[in-house]
Amino acid sequence: MNKKPIRQLLMEIDDFSRMRNLSKKEMAQKLDIPYSTFKKWFQQGKGERAPSPPYTEKIEKFLESQKETGTYWEDLWTKISGWWETQHRYSTVRELADEIGWDAQSLNNYIQSKDMPPRLVIEKIAKTVGLEISVLDLVVQEAQRKTEKLKHLLLFLEEELRWFRDSPKEARGIFRKELDLSDIGYISSLLTMLGDEDKFKRWLTLTSNRFNFFRRKGG
């Protein structure tokens, strides 16, 4: 991966968040970086800080992962912009905005500036006017969103499990009594098998285990 100047990386992250209407706090959550640390990178003067090497690497990897799906949405917005200049279906931007359920002034600003609006807006316009949307790209986008969500859930889970690890045996006795160990085994196996597609397919074919909502034995 080519190393970029830190200032350029921060500008790209700032552009990414503005194009998707993400606040600094939401962008920090997406990057899994503490907000108190993240916001200092964009402060001017005495409070300004530069990202440490681990955070710099995390930003670079995130931006790299966005290129493939980002290009798709940019291309789709370019198609919409071209369509708008020649279409005769809508007399005003407000008519289109009302149909997709978005603010007319904001949509007009994006159309005039050629900047890319939030992806949900692009998707709604494309569906409304009949422009093709790749199902695969939408799946990739959803997979990225869910992966970010799972990352935070795993951090939370590890913290809770660490408490049981360091607690007296009586606490672990409650854990064993209240939770179904077969459910825990299923989740653990699923997480592990998702790491390799071939292993996952074999596991999916052979396993008969299913998640039973932590029902107690005999319950």
C-alpha atoms as a PDB file:
ATOM      1  CA  MET A   1       0.000   0.000   0.000  1.00  0.00           C
ATOM      2  CA  ASN A   2       1.388   3.397  -1.005  1.00  0.00           C
ATOM      3  CA  LYS A   3       1.939   5.700   1.938  1.00  0.00           C
ATOM      4  CA  LYS A   4       0.204   9.064   1.667  1.00  0.00           C
ATOM      5  CA  PRO A   5       0.956  12.253   3.609  1.00  0.00           C
ATOM      6  CA  ILE A   6      -1.094  12.406   6.808  1.00  0.00           C
ATOM      7  CA  ARG A   7      -2.731  15.683   5.786  1.00  0.00           C
ATOM      8  CA  GLN A   8      -3.926  14.099   2.527  1.00  0.00           C
ATOM      9  CA  LEU A   9      -5.369  11.106   4.407  1.00  0.00           C
ATOM     10  CA  LEU A  10      -7.300  13.410   6.729  1.00  0.00           C
ATOM     11  CA  MET A  11      -8.612  15.419   3.776  1.00  0.00           C
ATOM     12  CA  GLU A  12      -9.828  12.198   2.120  1.00  0.00           C
ATOM     13  CA  ILE A  13     -11.552  11.071   5.322  1.00  0.00           C
ATOM     14  CA  ASP A  14     -13.135  14.507   5.687  1.00  0.00           C
ATOM     15  CA  ASP A  15     -14.365  14.385   2.076  1.00  0.00           C
ATOM     16  CA  PHE A  16     -15.715  10.862   2.616  1.00  0.00           C
ATOM     17  CA  SER A  17     -17.706  11.928   5.695  1.00  0.00           C
ATOM     18  CA  ARG A  18     -19.107  15.056   4.022  1.00  0.00           C
ATOM     19  CA  MET A  19     -20.232  13.144   0.933  1.00  0.00           C
ATOM     20  CA  ARG A  20     -22.148  10.735   3.142  1.00  0.00           C
ATOM     21  CA  ASN A  21     -23.428  13.343   5.603  1.00  0.00           C
ATOM     22  CA  LEU A  22     -21.536  11.747   8.493  1.00  0.00           C
ATOM     23  CA  SER A  23     -20.630  13.772  11.556  1.00  0.00           C
ATOM     24  CA  LYS A  24     -17.120  13.614  12.984  1.00  0.00           C
ATOM     25  CA  LYS A  25     -18.444  11.370  15.750  1.00  0.00           C
ATOM     26  CA  GLU A  26     -20.118   8.998  13.268  1.00  0.00           C
ATOM     27  CA  MET A  27     -16.956   8.885  11.169  1.00  0.00           C
ATOM     28  CA  ALA A  28     -14.882   8.042  14.241  1.00  0.00           C
ATOM     29  CA  GLN A  29     -17.269   5.185  15.044  1.00  0.00           C
ATOM     30  CA  LYS A  30     -17.027   3.887  11.483  1.00  0.00           C
ATOM     31  CA  LEU A  31     -13.225   3.872  11.773  1.00  0.00           C
ATOM     32  CA  ASP A  32     -13.395   2.365  15.289  1.00  0.00           C
ATOM     33  CA  ILE A  33     -11.305   5.264  16.632  1.00  0.00           C
ATOM     34  CA  PRO A  34     -12.135   7.115  19.888  1.00  0.00           C
ATOM     35  CA  TYR A  35     -13.963  10.321  19.057  1.00  0.00           C
ATOM     36  CA  SER A  36     -11.875  12.308  21.559  1.00  0.00           C
ATOM     37  CA  THR A  37      -8.773  11.279  19.599  1.00  0.00           C
ATOM     38  CA  PHE A  38     -10.293  11.626  16.136  1.00  0.00           C
ATOM     39  CA  LYS A  39     -11.584  15.203  16.525  1.00  0.00           C
ATOM     40  CA  LYS A  40      -8.147  16.510  17.563  1.00  0.00           C
ATOM     41  CA  TRP A  41      -6.784  15.681  14.105  1.00  0.00           C
ATOM     42  CA  PHE A  42      -9.055  18.322  12.595  1.00  0.00           C
ATOM     43  CA  GLN A  43      -8.571  21.052  15.187  1.00  0.00           C
ATOM     44  CA  GLN A  44      -6.585  24.146  14.304  1.00  0.00           C
ATOM     45  CA  GLY A  45      -3.862  25.553  16.524  1.00  0.00           C
ATOM     46  CA  LYS A  46      -2.896  24.351  19.982  1.00  0.00           C
ATOM     47  CA  GLY A  47      -5.265  21.368  20.190  1.00  0.00           C
ATOM     48  CA  GLU A  48      -4.313  19.918  16.805  1.00  0.00           C
ATOM     49  CA  ARG A  49      -2.797  16.423  16.821  1.00  0.00           C
ATOM     50  CA  ALA A  50      -1.556  14.028  14.123  1.00  0.00           C
ATOM     51  CA  PRO A  51      -2.641  10.355  13.967  1.00  0.00           C
ATOM     52  CA  SER A  52      -0.210   7.803  15.350  1.00  0.00           C
ATOM     53  CA  PRO A  53       1.144   5.140  12.917  1.00  0.00           C
ATOM     54  CA  PRO A  54      -1.461   2.488  13.945  1.00  0.00           C
ATOM     55  CA  TYR A  55      -4.317   4.940  13.346  1.00  0.00           C
ATOM     56  CA  THR A  56      -2.740   6.095  10.088  1.00  0.00           C
ATOM     57  CA  GLU A  57      -2.644   2.488   8.888  1.00  0.00           C
ATOM     58  CA  LYS A  58      -6.282   1.992   9.915  1.00  0.00           C
ATOM     59  CA  ILE A  59      -7.338   5.056   7.901  1.00  0.00           C
ATOM     60  CA  GLU A  60      -5.372   3.881   4.852  1.00  0.00           C
ATOM     61  CA  LYS A  61      -6.973   0.434   4.965  1.00  0.00           C
ATOM     62  CA  PHE A  62     -10.435   1.929   5.334  1.00  0.00           C
ATOM     63  CA  LEU A  63      -9.989   4.264   2.356  1.00  0.00           C
ATOM     64  CA  GLU A  64      -8.617   1.394   0.276  1.00  0.00           C
ATOM     65  CA  SER A  65     -11.630  -0.778   1.121  1.00  0.00           C
ATOM     66  CA  GLN A  66     -13.984   1.996  -0.005  1.00  0.00           C
ATOM     67  CA  LYS A  67     -12.480   2.399  -3.474  1.00  0.00           C
ATOM     68  CA  GLU A  68     -14.280  -0.503  -5.153  1.00  0.00           C
ATOM     69  CA  THR A  69     -17.776   0.332  -3.950  1.00  0.00           C
ATOM     70  CA  GLY A  70     -17.102   4.070  -4.039  1.00  0.00           C
ATOM     71  CA  THR A  71     -16.329   3.968  -7.748  1.00  0.00           C
ATOM     72  CA  TYR A  72     -19.637   2.245  -8.450  1.00  0.00           C
ATOM     73  CA  TRP A  73     -21.679   4.943  -6.678  1.00  0.00           C
ATOM     74  CA  GLU A  74     -19.682   7.727  -8.315  1.00  0.00           C
ATOM     75  CA  ASP A  75     -20.376   6.205 -11.733  1.00  0.00           C
ATOM     76  CA  LEU A  76     -24.071   5.854 -10.914  1.00  0.00           C
ATOM     77  CA  TRP A  77     -24.277   9.494  -9.787  1.00  0.00           C
ATOM     78  CA  THR A  78     -22.560  10.551 -13.022  1.00  0.00           C
ATOM     79  CA  LYS A  79     -25.265   8.671 -14.944  1.00  0.00           C
ATOM     80  CA  ILE A  80     -27.974  10.400 -12.916  1.00  0.00           C
ATOM     81  CA  SER A  81     -26.394  13.810 -13.520  1.00  0.00           C
ATOM     82  CA  GLY A  82     -26.283  13.148 -17.256  1.00  0.00           C
ATOM     83  CA  TRP A  83     -29.849  11.869 -17.233  1.00  0.00           C
ATOM     84  CA  TRP A  84     -31.059  14.988 -15.415  1.00  0.00           C
ATOM     85  CA  GLU A  85     -29.651  17.308 -18.079  1.00  0.00           C
ATOM     86  CA  THR A  86     -31.640  15.630 -20.864  1.00  0.00           C
ATOM     87  CA  GLN A  87     -34.776  14.304 -19.104  1.00  0.00           C
ATOM     88  CA  HIS A  88     -38.272  15.756 -19.561  1.00  0.00           C
ATOM     89  CA  ARG A  89     -40.049  13.815 -16.807  1.00  0.00           C
ATOM     90  CA  TYR A  90     -39.612  16.436 -14.067  1.00  0.00           C
ATOM     91  CA  SER A  91     -40.033  20.176 -14.544  1.00  0.00           C
ATOM     92  CA  THR A  92     -38.183  21.061 -11.342  1.00  0.00           C
ATOM     93  CA  VAL A  93     -35.775  19.508  -8.846  1.00  0.00           C
ATOM     94  CA  ARG A  94     -38.518  19.807  -6.234  1.00  0.00           C
ATOM     95  CA  GLU A  95     -40.722  17.361  -8.154  1.00  0.00           C
ATOM     96  CA  LEU A  96     -37.958  14.742  -8.106  1.00  0.00           C
ATOM     97  CA  ALA A  97     -37.132  15.486  -4.457  1.00  0.00           C
ATOM     98  CA  ASP A  98     -40.782  15.067  -3.442  1.00  0.00           C
ATOM     99  CA  GLU A  99     -40.977  11.735  -5.238  1.00  0.00           C
ATOM    100  CA  ILE A 100     -37.916  10.300  -3.484  1.00  0.00           C
ATOM    101  CA  GLY A 101     -38.778  11.948  -0.150  1.00  0.00           C
ATOM    102  CA  TRP A 102     -35.740  14.207   0.224  1.00  0.00           C
ATOM    103  CA  ASP A 103     -35.075  17.914   0.739  1.00  0.00           C
ATOM    104  CA  ALA A 104     -35.339  19.827  -2.548  1.00  0.00           C
ATOM    105  CA  GLN A 105     -32.723  22.472  -1.684  1.00  0.00           C
ATOM    106  CA  SER A 106     -30.138  19.852  -0.708  1.00  0.00           C
ATOM    107  CA  LEU A 107     -30.776  17.829  -3.865  1.00  0.00           C
ATOM    108  CA  ASN A 108     -30.535  20.955  -6.014  1.00  0.00           C
ATOM    109  CA  ASN A 109     -27.192  21.839  -4.402  1.00  0.00           C
ATOM    110  CA  TYR A 110     -25.779  18.409  -5.242  1.00  0.00           C
ATOM    111  CA  ILE A 111     -27.055  18.547  -8.810  1.00  0.00           C
ATOM    112  CA  GLN A 112     -25.631  22.027  -9.378  1.00  0.00           C
ATOM    113  CA  SER A 113     -22.238  21.287  -7.773  1.00  0.00           C
ATOM    114  CA  LYS A 114     -21.901  17.751  -9.229  1.00  0.00           C
ATOM    115  CA  ASP A 115     -20.881  16.569  -5.739  1.00  0.00           C
ATOM    116  CA  MET A 116     -22.130  13.125  -4.771  1.00  0.00           C
ATOM    117  CA  PRO A 117     -25.080  13.012  -2.315  1.00  0.00           C
ATOM    118  CA  PRO A 118     -25.584  10.225   0.251  1.00  0.00           C
ATOM    119  CA  ARG A 119     -25.741   6.777  -1.328  1.00  0.00           C
ATOM    120  CA  LEU A 120     -29.305   6.210  -0.144  1.00  0.00           C
ATOM    121  CA  VAL A 121     -30.384   9.257  -2.193  1.00  0.00           C
ATOM    122  CA  ILE A 122     -28.543   7.961  -5.266  1.00  0.00           C
ATOM    123  CA  GLU A 123     -30.178   4.557  -4.825  1.00  0.00           C
ATOM    124  CA  LYS A 124     -33.675   6.080  -4.494  1.00  0.00           C
ATOM    125  CA  ILE A 125     -33.234   8.252  -7.594  1.00  0.00           C
ATOM    126  CA  ALA A 126     -31.839   5.356  -9.633  1.00  0.00           C
ATOM    127  CA  LYS A 127     -34.778   3.131  -8.696  1.00  0.00           C
ATOM    128  CA  THR A 128     -37.302   5.914  -9.306  1.00  0.00           C
ATOM    129  CA  VAL A 129     -36.053   6.781 -12.794  1.00  0.00           C
ATOM    130  CA  GLY A 130     -35.181   3.206 -13.819  1.00  0.00           C
ATOM    131  CA  LEU A 131     -31.381   3.326 -13.873  1.00  0.00           C
ATOM    132  CA  GLU A 132     -29.661  -0.019 -13.354  1.00  0.00           C
ATOM    133  CA  ILE A 133     -28.343  -0.840  -9.884  1.00  0.00           C
ATOM    134  CA  SER A 134     -25.977  -3.762  -9.465  1.00  0.00           C
ATOM    135  CA  VAL A 135     -27.376  -6.143  -6.859  1.00  0.00           C
ATOM    136  CA  LEU A 136     -23.866  -7.424  -6.135  1.00  0.00           C
ATOM    137  CA  ASP A 137     -22.596  -3.934  -5.305  1.00  0.00           C
ATOM    138  CA  LEU A 138     -25.511  -3.355  -2.962  1.00  0.00           C
ATOM    139  CA  VAL A 139     -24.708  -6.652  -1.227  1.00  0.00           C
ATOM    140  CA  VAL A 140     -21.074  -5.571  -0.836  1.00  0.00           C
ATOM    141  CA  GLN A 141     -22.185  -2.282   0.684  1.00  0.00           C
ATOM    142  CA  GLU A 142     -24.515  -4.047   3.133  1.00  0.00           C
ATOM    143  CA  ALA A 143     -21.777  -6.543   4.024  1.00  0.00           C
ATOM    144  CA  GLN A 144     -19.442  -3.673   4.901  1.00  0.00           C
ATOM    145  CA  ARG A 145     -22.096  -2.068   7.101  1.00  0.00           C
ATOM    146  CA  LYS A 146     -22.855  -5.315   8.919  1.00  0.00           C
ATOM    147  CA  THR A 147     -19.155  -6.123   9.345  1.00  0.00           C
ATOM    148  CA  GLU A 148     -18.631  -2.780  11.076  1.00  0.00           C
ATOM    149  CA  LYS A 149     -21.587  -3.547  13.342  1.00  0.00           C
ATOM    150  CA  LEU A 150     -20.225  -6.999  14.192  1.00  0.00           C
ATOM    151  CA  LYS A 151     -16.840  -5.500  14.977  1.00  0.00           C
ATOM    152  CA  HIS A 152     -18.392  -3.359  17.703  1.00  0.00           C
ATOM    153  CA  LEU A 153     -20.462  -6.276  18.979  1.00  0.00           C
ATOM    154  CA  LEU A 154     -17.341  -8.445  19.268  1.00  0.00           C
ATOM    155  CA  LEU A 155     -15.555  -5.733  21.237  1.00  0.00           C
ATOM    156  CA  PHE A 156     -18.526  -5.548  23.595  1.00  0.00           C
ATOM    157  CA  LEU A 157     -18.717  -9.364  23.856  1.00  0.00           C
ATOM    158  CA  GLU A 158     -15.020  -9.675  24.657  1.00  0.00           C
ATOM    159  CA  GLU A 159     -15.357  -7.128  27.454  1.00  0.00           C
ATOM    160  CA  GLU A 160     -18.293  -9.010  28.998  1.00  0.00           C
ATOM    161  CA  LEU A 161     -16.583 -12.399  28.679  1.00  0.00           C
ATOM    162  CA  ARG A 162     -13.402 -11.005  30.236  1.00  0.00           C
ATOM    163  CA  TRP A 163     -15.456 -10.123  33.311  1.00  0.00           C
ATOM    164  CA  PHE A 164     -16.539 -13.769  33.678  1.00  0.00           C
ATOM    165  CA  ARG A 165     -12.957 -14.890  33.068  1.00  0.00           C
ATOM    166  CA  ASP A 166     -11.659 -12.803  35.956  1.00  0.00           C
ATOM    167  CA  SER A 167     -14.579 -13.368  38.331  1.00  0.00           C
ATOM    168  CA  PRO A 168     -15.056 -16.089  40.990  1.00  0.00           C
ATOM    169  CA  LYS A 169     -16.244 -19.521  39.882  1.00  0.00           C
ATOM    170  CA  GLU A 170     -19.745 -18.741  41.218  1.00  0.00           C
ATOM    171  CA  ALA A 171     -20.161 -16.133  38.460  1.00  0.00           C
ATOM    172  CA  ARG A 172     -19.216 -18.685  35.814  1.00  0.00           C
ATOM    173  CA  GLY A 173     -21.722 -21.068  37.386  1.00  0.00           C
ATOM    174  CA  ILE A 174     -24.494 -18.536  36.686  1.00  0.00           C
ATOM    175  CA  PHE A 175     -23.192 -18.213  33.121  1.00  0.00           C
ATOM    176  CA  ARG A 176     -23.425 -21.981  32.579  1.00  0.00           C
ATOM    177  CA  LYS A 177     -26.865 -22.157  34.172  1.00  0.00           C
ATOM    178  CA  GLU A 178     -28.452 -19.324  32.217  1.00  0.00           C
ATOM    179  CA  LEU A 179     -26.909 -19.814  28.757  1.00  0.00           C
ATOM    180  CA  ASP A 180     -27.222 -22.761  26.396  1.00  0.00           C
ATOM    181  CA  LEU A 181     -23.697 -23.989  25.639  1.00  0.00           C
ATOM    182  CA  SER A 182     -24.808 -25.508  22.337  1.00  0.00           C
ATOM    183  CA  ASP A 183     -25.924 -22.054  21.195  1.00  0.00           C
ATOM    184  CA  ILE A 184     -22.554 -20.652  22.217  1.00  0.00           C
ATOM    185  CA  GLY A 185     -20.832 -23.452  20.290  1.00  0.00           C
ATOM    186  CA  TYR A 186     -22.905 -22.696  17.200  1.00  0.00           C
ATOM    187  CA  ILE A 187     -22.040 -18.980  17.253  1.00  0.00           C
ATOM    188  CA  SER A 188     -18.381 -19.747  17.877  1.00  0.00           C
ATOM    189  CA  SER A 189     -18.274 -22.245  14.972  1.00  0.00           C
ATOM    190  CA  LEU A 190     -20.064 -19.869  12.623  1.00  0.00           C
ATOM    191  CA  LEU A 191     -17.648 -17.029  13.379  1.00  0.00           C
ATOM    192  CA  THR A 192     -14.680 -19.336  12.812  1.00  0.00           C
ATOM    193  CA  MET A 193     -15.982 -20.897   9.596  1.00  0.00           C
ATOM    194  CA  LEU A 194     -16.776 -17.496   8.063  1.00  0.00           C
ATOM    195  CA  GLY A 195     -13.031 -16.944   7.939  1.00  0.00           C
ATOM    196  CA  ASP A 196     -12.607 -19.425   5.068  1.00  0.00           C
ATOM    197  CA  GLU A 197     -15.153 -19.903   2.265  1.00  0.00           C
ATOM    198  CA  ASP A 198     -14.349 -23.578   1.554  1.00  0.00           C
ATOM    199  CA  LYS A 199     -14.501 -24.521   5.226  1.00  0.00           C
ATOM    200  CA  PHE A 200     -17.692 -22.506   5.598  1.00  0.00           C
ATOM    201  CA  LYS A 201     -19.434 -24.370   2.763  1.00  0.00           C
ATOM    202  CA  ARG A 202     -18.435 -27.775   4.183  1.00  0.00           C
ATOM    203  CA  TRP A 203     -19.553 -26.734   7.669  1.00  0.00           C
ATOM    204  CA  LEU A 204     -22.872 -25.428   6.333  1.00  0.00           C
ATOM    205  CA  THR A 205     -23.521 -28.748   4.598  1.00  0.00           C
ATOM    206  CA  LEU A 206     -22.562 -30.960   7.532  1.00  0.00           C
ATOM    207  CA  THR A 207     -23.736 -29.105  10.630  1.00  0.00           C
ATOM    208  CA  SER A 208     -27.170 -29.742  12.066  1.00  0.00           C
ATOM    209  CA  ASN A 209     -26.788 -27.214  14.874  1.00  0.00           C
ATOM    210  CA  ARG A 210     -28.984 -24.143  14.931  1.00  0.00           C
ATOM    211  CA  PHE A 211     -29.338 -21.171  17.254  1.00  0.00           C
ATOM    212  CA  ASN A 212     -32.080 -21.862  19.811  1.00  0.00           C
ATOM    213  CA  PHE A 213     -32.328 -18.437  21.467  1.00  0.00           C
ATOM    214  CA  PHE A 214     -30.485 -19.559  24.590  1.00  0.00           C
ATOM    215  CA  ARG A 215     -33.318 -21.807  25.758  1.00  0.00           C
ATOM    216  CA  ARG A 216     -32.469 -23.695  28.904  1.00  0.00           C
ATOM    217  CA  LYS A 217     -32.411 -27.466  28.830  1.00  0.00           C
ATOM    218  CA  GLY A 218     -35.894 -28.709  29.586  1.00  0.00           C
ATOM    219  CA  GLY A 219     -37.314 -25.198  29.068  1.00  0.00           C
END
